[in-house]
Amino acid sequence: MEKIYYRVKFNNNKEDLFQFNKWADSCSYNIDVRYNSKVLDGKSLIGLMGMDISNPIIVILYTDNANDFVEKFSNIILDKIVM
């Protein structure tokens, strides 16, 4: 299993955030969100609601295949980060 990183922007739209959380909660793999210097559980709605979504954040997917994420959230993905 690898870590796959994407930089995303929620467009100041809480609905995007709710959809992301609902999708993340249904995933069998772990998902983290890096916001400033904090790393939050992508499946925690309370944690996600505390973020300032006016700036891009980093989504970390712990999987070998992120196609489902890319298909679902292509409208908020800014780019894939290679580390």
Protein backbone atom coordinates (compact mmCIF):
# COMPACT_ATOMS: atom_id res chain seq x y z
CA MET A 1 0.00 0.00 0.00
CA GLU A 2 1.27 3.44 -0.85
CA LYS A 3 0.36 7.00 0.06
CA ILE A 4 -1.16 9.05 -2.75
CA TYR A 5 -1.30 12.82 -2.32
CA TYR A 6 -3.69 15.29 -3.97
CA ARG A 7 -4.02 19.02 -3.48
CA VAL A 8 -7.71 19.97 -3.46
CA LYS A 9 -9.79 23.12 -3.07
CA PHE A 10 -13.31 22.87 -1.67
CA ASN A 11 -14.41 26.16 -3.33
CA ASN A 12 -15.67 27.58 0.00
CA ASN A 13 -18.52 25.14 -0.35
CA LYS A 14 -19.50 23.10 2.71
CA GLU A 15 -21.52 20.77 0.47
CA ASP A 16 -18.28 19.64 -1.22
CA LEU A 17 -16.88 18.97 2.25
CA PHE A 18 -19.94 16.92 3.27
CA GLN A 19 -19.75 14.88 0.04
CA PHE A 20 -16.04 14.28 0.59
CA ASN A 21 -16.66 13.10 4.16
CA LYS A 22 -19.51 10.81 3.10
CA TRP A 23 -17.33 9.29 0.39
CA ALA A 24 -14.30 8.96 2.72
CA ASP A 25 -16.40 7.25 5.36
CA SER A 26 -17.45 4.61 2.83
CA CYS A 27 -13.84 3.79 1.82
CA SER A 28 -12.11 0.69 3.10
CA TYR A 29 -8.74 2.49 3.27
CA ASN A 30 -7.53 5.33 5.48
CA ILE A 31 -7.70 8.94 4.36
CA ASP A 32 -5.98 11.88 6.01
CA VAL A 33 -6.25 15.58 5.31
CA ARG A 34 -3.29 17.88 5.86
CA TYR A 35 -4.34 21.39 6.75
CA ASN A 36 -1.58 23.87 7.66
CA SER A 37 0.59 21.88 10.08
CA LYS A 38 -2.22 19.55 11.21
CA VAL A 39 -3.13 16.12 9.91
CA LEU A 40 -6.79 15.21 10.36
CA ASP A 41 -8.75 12.03 9.81
CA GLY A 42 -10.63 12.45 6.52
CA LYS A 43 -13.46 10.35 7.93
CA SER A 44 -14.07 12.75 10.84
CA LEU A 45 -16.72 15.30 9.93
CA ILE A 46 -16.09 17.28 13.12
CA GLY A 47 -12.38 17.52 12.30
CA LEU A 48 -13.08 18.57 8.71
CA MET A 49 -15.62 21.21 9.77
CA GLY A 50 -12.91 22.95 11.79
CA MET A 51 -10.78 23.61 8.71
CA ASP A 52 -10.58 26.87 6.81
CA ILE A 53 -11.60 25.61 3.38
CA SER A 54 -10.81 28.90 1.66
CA ASN A 55 -7.27 27.57 1.05
CA PRO A 56 -6.16 24.37 -0.70
CA ILE A 57 -5.54 21.31 1.46
CA ILE A 58 -3.69 18.04 0.91
CA VAL A 59 -5.64 14.75 0.83
CA ILE A 60 -3.58 11.65 1.62
CA LEU A 61 -5.02 8.34 0.42
CA TYR A 62 -3.52 5.13 1.83
CA THR A 63 -4.18 2.90 -1.17
CA ASP A 64 -2.61 1.63 -4.37
CA ASN A 65 -5.44 2.90 -6.54
CA ALA A 66 -7.09 6.32 -6.21
CA ASN A 67 -9.22 6.14 -9.36
CA ASP A 68 -12.46 6.30 -7.36
CA PHE A 69 -11.30 9.53 -5.68
CA VAL A 70 -10.23 11.10 -8.98
CA GLU A 71 -13.53 10.21 -10.68
CA LYS A 72 -15.67 11.49 -7.80
CA PHE A 73 -13.76 14.70 -7.05
CA SER A 74 -12.17 15.79 -10.32
CA ASN A 75 -13.96 19.14 -9.89
CA ILE A 76 -12.00 19.99 -6.70
CA ILE A 77 -8.62 18.34 -7.46
CA LEU A 78 -5.96 20.90 -8.27
CA ASP A 79 -3.12 18.44 -8.84
CA LYS A 80 -1.47 15.22 -7.77
CA ILE A 81 1.60 15.66 -5.60
CA VAL A 82 4.55 13.35 -6.20
CA MET A 83 6.72 12.72 -3.16
